[in-house]
Protein backbone atom coordinates (compact mmCIF):
# COMPACT_ATOMS: atom_id res chain seq x y z
CA MET A 1 8.99 -204.27 24.37
CA THR A 2 6.53 -206.80 23.65
CA ALA A 3 4.50 -206.57 20.77
CA ALA A 4 1.25 -206.13 22.75
CA ARG A 5 2.68 -203.12 24.07
CA ARG A 6 4.00 -201.92 20.41
CA LYS A 7 0.54 -202.64 19.15
CA LYS A 8 -1.30 -200.23 22.04
CA ILE A 9 0.99 -197.26 21.41
CA THR A 10 0.15 -197.52 17.88
CA HIS A 11 -3.32 -197.62 18.38
CA GLU A 12 -3.63 -194.74 20.78
CA GLN A 13 -1.47 -192.40 18.53
CA LYS A 14 -4.35 -193.31 15.88
CA ASN A 15 -6.86 -192.59 17.81
CA GLY A 16 -5.44 -189.13 18.99
CA ALA A 17 -4.57 -188.70 15.34
CA GLU A 18 -8.86 -188.81 14.05
CA GLU A 19 -9.51 -186.28 17.24
CA LYS A 20 -7.09 -183.37 16.00
CA GLN A 21 -8.56 -184.18 12.47
CA ALA A 22 -12.01 -183.90 14.11
CA ALA A 23 -10.90 -181.05 16.04
CA ALA A 24 -9.71 -178.93 12.86
CA ALA A 25 -12.42 -179.33 10.25
CA PRO A 26 -14.88 -177.50 12.12
CA THR A 27 -12.71 -174.30 12.41
CA ALA A 28 -12.00 -175.08 8.62
CA GLY A 29 -15.59 -174.61 7.83
CA ASP A 30 -15.95 -171.62 10.14
CA ASP A 31 -13.19 -170.02 8.11
CA ALA A 32 -15.02 -170.86 4.37
CA VAL A 33 -18.47 -170.00 5.40
CA ASP A 34 -16.86 -166.28 6.81
CA ALA A 35 -14.71 -165.96 4.06
CA ALA A 36 -17.59 -166.66 1.85
CA PRO A 37 -19.86 -163.47 2.69
CA GLU A 38 -16.83 -161.65 2.66
CA ALA A 39 -15.99 -162.25 -0.99
CA GLY A 40 -19.46 -161.85 -1.64
CA ALA A 41 -19.26 -158.08 -0.28
CA GLN A 42 -16.37 -157.36 -1.83
CA VAL A 43 -18.36 -158.66 -5.46
CA GLU A 44 -21.57 -156.16 -4.75
CA THR A 45 -19.58 -153.31 -2.92
CA GLY A 46 -16.61 -153.27 -5.25
CA ALA A 47 -15.47 -150.88 -8.16
CA GLU A 48 -17.26 -151.39 -11.78
CA PRO A 49 -14.18 -152.78 -13.80
CA ALA A 50 -13.59 -149.81 -16.12
CA GLU A 51 -15.07 -149.63 -19.72
CA ALA A 52 -12.76 -150.11 -22.27
CA PRO A 53 -12.55 -146.43 -23.75
CA ASP A 54 -14.88 -146.10 -27.28
CA GLY A 55 -12.96 -145.78 -30.29
CA ASP A 56 -14.89 -142.74 -31.56
CA ALA A 57 -14.09 -141.08 -28.61
CA ALA A 58 -10.42 -141.40 -28.79
CA ALA A 59 -10.35 -140.24 -32.11
CA GLY A 60 -12.28 -137.09 -31.24
CA GLU A 61 -9.33 -136.41 -28.71
CA ALA A 62 -6.38 -136.75 -30.98
CA GLU A 63 -4.81 -133.67 -31.17
CA PRO A 64 -5.35 -132.15 -34.92
CA ASP A 65 -2.87 -131.77 -37.98
CA PRO A 66 -0.66 -128.76 -37.07
CA LEU A 67 -1.10 -128.52 -40.62
CA GLU A 68 -4.37 -128.27 -41.28
CA VAL A 69 -4.59 -125.65 -38.49
CA MET A 70 -2.00 -123.85 -40.74
CA ARG A 71 -4.10 -124.04 -43.54
CA GLN A 72 -6.96 -123.11 -42.03
CA GLU A 73 -5.68 -119.67 -40.41
CA ARG A 74 -4.40 -118.88 -43.84
CA ASP A 75 -7.75 -119.29 -45.64
CA GLU A 76 -9.09 -117.10 -42.51
CA PHE A 77 -6.53 -114.70 -42.89
CA GLN A 78 -6.91 -114.35 -46.85
CA GLU A 79 -10.46 -113.79 -46.54
CA LYS A 80 -10.26 -111.13 -44.12
CA TRP A 81 -7.58 -109.65 -45.65
CA LEU A 82 -9.56 -109.34 -49.39
CA ARG A 83 -12.78 -107.85 -47.51
CA VAL A 84 -10.63 -105.37 -46.14
CA VAL A 85 -9.04 -104.46 -49.84
CA ALA A 86 -12.53 -104.22 -50.71
CA GLU A 87 -13.88 -101.91 -48.26
CA MET A 88 -10.84 -99.44 -48.71
CA ASP A 89 -11.50 -99.61 -52.79
CA ASN A 90 -14.76 -98.53 -52.20
CA LEU A 91 -13.92 -96.07 -49.43
CA ARG A 92 -11.99 -94.47 -51.78
CA LYS A 93 -14.10 -94.86 -54.99
CA ARG A 94 -16.86 -92.56 -52.66
CA SER A 95 -14.35 -90.37 -51.40
CA ARG A 96 -13.73 -89.22 -54.94
CA ARG A 97 -17.48 -89.11 -56.03
CA GLU A 98 -17.73 -87.09 -52.65
CA LEU A 99 -14.95 -84.80 -53.84
CA THR A 100 -16.11 -83.83 -57.32
CA GLU A 101 -19.41 -83.53 -56.13
CA SER A 102 -18.56 -80.77 -53.50
CA ARG A 103 -16.42 -79.58 -55.74
CA ARG A 104 -18.79 -78.69 -58.75
CA LEU A 105 -21.30 -77.72 -55.96
CA ALA A 106 -18.95 -74.90 -55.27
CA GLN A 107 -18.25 -73.94 -58.52
CA ALA A 108 -22.16 -73.67 -58.72
CA ASP A 109 -22.82 -71.44 -56.14
CA VAL A 110 -19.31 -69.03 -57.47
CA LEU A 111 -21.22 -68.86 -61.32
CA ARG A 112 -24.88 -68.35 -60.02
CA PRO A 113 -24.23 -64.85 -58.96
CA ILE A 114 -22.22 -63.91 -61.87
CA LEU A 115 -25.24 -64.81 -64.46
CA GLY A 116 -27.14 -61.34 -63.50
CA VAL A 117 -24.57 -59.39 -64.66
CA LEU A 118 -24.31 -61.77 -67.90
CA ASP A 119 -27.69 -61.00 -67.81
CA ASN A 120 -26.58 -57.13 -67.70
CA PHE A 121 -24.30 -57.11 -70.30
CA GLU A 122 -26.98 -58.65 -72.79
CA ARG A 123 -29.33 -56.16 -72.35
CA ALA A 124 -27.19 -53.41 -72.68
CA LEU A 125 -25.91 -54.64 -75.89
CA GLN A 126 -29.46 -55.77 -77.38
CA SER A 127 -30.46 -51.93 -76.81
CA LEU A 128 -27.49 -50.58 -77.98
CA HIS A 129 -27.94 -52.59 -81.26
CA GLU A 130 -31.62 -51.72 -81.89
CA ASN A 131 -31.17 -48.01 -81.29
CA LYS A 132 -28.29 -47.61 -83.13
CA GLU A 133 -29.25 -44.72 -84.91
CA ASN A 134 -30.59 -43.15 -82.17
CA ALA A 135 -27.73 -44.13 -79.43
CA ASP A 136 -27.07 -42.49 -76.82
CA LEU A 137 -23.50 -42.89 -75.86
CA GLU A 138 -23.40 -41.07 -72.77
CA LYS A 139 -27.06 -43.73 -71.19
CA PHE A 140 -24.75 -46.54 -72.64
CA LEU A 141 -21.94 -45.58 -70.26
CA GLU A 142 -23.76 -45.03 -67.58
CA GLY A 143 -25.72 -48.87 -68.28
CA VAL A 144 -21.92 -50.17 -68.23
CA ASP A 145 -20.93 -48.60 -64.95
CA LEU A 146 -23.72 -49.86 -63.41
CA ILE A 147 -22.85 -53.19 -64.91
CA PHE A 148 -19.29 -52.81 -63.43
CA GLN A 149 -20.70 -51.61 -59.75
CA ASN A 150 -22.80 -54.36 -59.97
CA PHE A 151 -20.33 -57.19 -60.83
CA GLN A 152 -17.86 -55.69 -57.86
CA GLY A 153 -20.92 -56.67 -55.50
CA VAL A 154 -20.90 -59.99 -56.71
CA MET A 155 -17.27 -60.05 -56.12
CA ARG A 156 -17.36 -58.82 -52.65
CA ASP A 157 -19.97 -61.12 -51.57
CA LEU A 158 -18.24 -63.93 -52.44
CA GLY A 159 -14.92 -63.01 -50.72
CA VAL A 160 -13.53 -61.49 -53.76
CA THR A 161 -11.66 -57.97 -53.50
CA SER A 162 -9.39 -55.21 -55.14
CA MET A 163 -5.78 -54.89 -53.79
CA GLU A 164 -5.72 -51.06 -55.28
CA PRO A 165 -1.98 -51.17 -54.83
CA MET A 166 -0.81 -47.70 -55.78
CA GLY A 167 1.81 -45.64 -54.18
CA GLU A 168 2.50 -48.87 -52.01
CA GLU A 169 5.72 -50.21 -51.46
CA PHE A 170 6.50 -53.32 -54.04
CA ASP A 171 5.70 -56.39 -52.22
CA PRO A 172 6.44 -59.44 -54.41
CA VAL A 173 4.05 -61.66 -52.36
CA TYR A 174 0.92 -58.99 -53.87
CA HIS A 175 2.87 -57.00 -56.72
CA GLU A 176 3.97 -58.46 -60.14
CA ALA A 177 6.91 -55.83 -61.31
CA VAL A 178 6.16 -55.70 -65.20
CA GLY A 179 8.96 -52.21 -65.26
CA GLN A 180 10.88 -49.81 -63.80
CA MET A 181 10.71 -46.16 -64.43
CA ALA A 182 12.19 -42.75 -62.88
CA ARG A 183 9.55 -40.73 -61.25
CA GLU A 184 10.47 -37.35 -59.59
CA GLY A 185 9.53 -36.90 -56.23
CA VAL A 186 8.90 -40.50 -55.42
CA GLU A 187 11.11 -42.93 -53.69
CA SER A 188 12.37 -46.09 -55.01
CA GLY A 189 10.44 -49.33 -55.17
CA ARG A 190 6.98 -47.81 -55.02
CA VAL A 191 3.72 -48.53 -57.43
CA ILE A 192 3.35 -45.90 -59.90
CA GLU A 193 0.72 -47.54 -62.21
CA ILE A 194 -0.60 -50.46 -62.23
CA VAL A 195 -1.03 -52.42 -65.28
CA GLN A 196 -3.28 -55.13 -64.22
CA ASN A 197 -5.09 -55.22 -60.96
CA GLY A 198 -5.03 -57.68 -58.35
CA PHE A 199 -7.25 -59.58 -56.48
CA MET A 200 -7.47 -61.44 -52.77
CA PHE A 201 -9.83 -64.37 -51.79
CA GLY A 202 -9.72 -63.60 -47.79
CA ASP A 203 -5.96 -63.88 -47.15
CA LEU A 204 -5.13 -66.05 -50.23
CA VAL A 205 -3.87 -64.10 -53.44
CA LEU A 206 -6.01 -64.82 -56.43
CA ARG A 207 -3.82 -62.91 -58.61
CA PRO A 208 -1.13 -60.26 -58.26
CA ALA A 209 -0.73 -56.90 -59.10
CA ARG A 210 1.01 -56.06 -62.21
CA VAL A 211 2.95 -52.95 -61.92
CA ILE A 212 5.18 -50.44 -62.76
CA ILE A 213 7.54 -49.34 -60.21
CA SER A 214 9.65 -46.69 -59.58
CA ALA A 215 13.33 -46.62 -60.13
C-alpha cells in the first residue's frame, strides 16, 4: 500500500471519529438536562430528614427505677395503713363512749320510778317520828303496806315479776335449795318453804328463789 493510500484511510478514520463524537454529544446533554429536573423533584418531594431525638424527651421516656417505684408504693401503703389504724382507734373510743352512755341512761330509767317509793318511805318514817306519842301502829302498817304495793307495781312496770315457787317441784334453774326436811303428805322434792323469794326479768332469772324442799 502506498503512502498516499494510507494517509487517505487515516484521514477518513479521523473524520468518522469526529462525526461520532458530535452525534453523541447532544444525547449526553439531553440526558443531563432530563436528569436535572428529576433530581430537583426528588429534593422537593422527598421525605424530610429525620430530626435527632431531643435529649429531654429521651430522658422522659426512660424506664423508672424499680427500687424508687417500690419505695413510693411502700410509702403509700404505710400512709393508708396509718389512716385505717387511726380510724379504727377512733371508732373503738366512740363505741366505748356510746356504750357507757347507753348503760347510764338505762340505769337512770330503772332508778327514776323507784324515787317515788323512796319518797313514800321517807314520809312514813317522818310521820312516825313526829307523832311518837300518838303513833297509831295500825295506820303506820297500812302506810308501809301501801308503799310495798306501790313498789311492786313499779317493778312490774319494769318487767320484773316474783316467782312464787311455793309447792312447785324443785328446779335448780329457778330455785336454790338451802335446806331439806320431811313433811307429811308432801312428796319429795317439793318446795315447802320460801326463805327468799326469786325474781324474773322476762325470761331471765334475776335471782333464784332460796327455798326449803321436802325430803
